[in-house]
Amino acid sequence: MAPIVIAKSRNHQIVSNPDVKHPYRLLWEVPRRGGSMGFPVKQHRDTDREGAVEFANRWGLKVPK
């Protein structure tokens, strides 16, 4: 029987806002930990273009302009 692989994160997105210091917001979800089942936890991080390109390459996304 093959093992079931569960990704640690999902729903990866990159949002652009060129009017701020860190113009890209990286968004993703992780499963809730603990004994209770629930909705996934949404997380984000603001970054520069280099960070957005690295995130896009890792998860197969396109970097917005």
Protein backbone atom coordinates (compact mmCIF):
# COMPACT_ATOMS: atom_id res chain seq x y z
CA MET A 1 0.00 0.00 0.00
CA ALA A 2 1.41 3.41 -1.01
CA PRO A 3 1.79 6.06 1.70
CA ILE A 4 -0.57 9.02 1.61
CA VAL A 5 1.32 12.28 1.07
CA ILE A 6 -0.24 15.37 2.60
CA ALA A 7 1.26 18.72 1.65
CA LYS A 8 2.14 20.98 4.55
CA SER A 9 0.77 24.02 2.72
CA ARG A 10 -1.65 24.75 -0.12
CA ASN A 11 -3.54 27.51 -1.96
CA HIS A 12 -0.37 29.52 -2.66
CA GLN A 13 -0.91 33.01 -4.10
CA ILE A 14 1.07 36.15 -4.81
CA VAL A 15 -0.64 39.56 -4.69
CA SER A 16 1.00 42.76 -5.92
CA ASN A 17 0.68 46.23 -4.33
CA PRO A 18 3.34 48.49 -5.89
CA ASP A 19 2.71 51.49 -3.57
CA VAL A 20 4.34 50.03 -0.43
CA LYS A 21 7.89 49.17 0.70
CA HIS A 22 7.43 45.41 0.19
CA PRO A 23 5.23 45.30 -2.94
CA TYR A 24 4.36 41.58 -2.91
CA ARG A 25 2.20 39.67 -0.42
CA LEU A 26 2.68 35.89 -0.34
CA LEU A 27 -0.41 33.95 0.82
CA TRP A 28 -0.83 30.26 1.73
CA GLU A 29 -2.80 27.94 4.01
CA VAL A 30 -1.62 25.25 6.41
CA PRO A 31 -3.74 22.58 8.09
CA ARG A 32 -4.81 23.23 11.67
CA ARG A 33 -2.79 21.29 14.22
CA GLY A 34 -4.07 19.72 17.37
CA GLY A 35 -6.89 17.40 18.35
CA SER A 36 -9.73 19.26 16.69
CA MET A 37 -10.41 19.33 12.99
CA GLY A 38 -11.16 22.77 11.67
CA PHE A 39 -10.58 25.23 8.91
CA PRO A 40 -7.00 25.67 7.66
CA VAL A 41 -4.95 28.56 9.01
CA LYS A 42 -4.29 31.33 6.46
CA GLN A 43 -0.84 32.90 6.59
CA HIS A 44 0.91 35.70 4.69
CA ARG A 45 4.22 37.50 4.37
CA ASP A 46 5.14 40.75 2.65
CA THR A 47 8.31 40.66 0.54
CA ASP A 48 10.28 42.26 -2.28
CA ARG A 49 10.52 41.05 -5.88
CA GLU A 50 13.33 38.56 -5.17
CA GLY A 51 11.29 36.85 -2.47
CA ALA A 52 8.23 36.74 -4.72
CA VAL A 53 10.24 35.16 -7.56
CA GLU A 54 11.64 32.52 -5.19
CA PHE A 55 8.14 31.72 -3.86
CA ALA A 56 6.76 31.55 -7.42
CA ASN A 57 9.52 29.18 -8.56
CA ARG A 58 8.98 26.90 -5.56
CA TRP A 59 5.21 26.58 -6.04
CA GLY A 60 4.91 26.96 -9.84
CA LEU A 61 3.21 30.37 -9.82
CA LYS A 62 3.50 33.46 -12.00
CA VAL A 63 4.79 36.68 -10.41
CA PRO A 64 2.35 39.58 -10.99
CA LYS A 65 3.74 42.81 -12.44
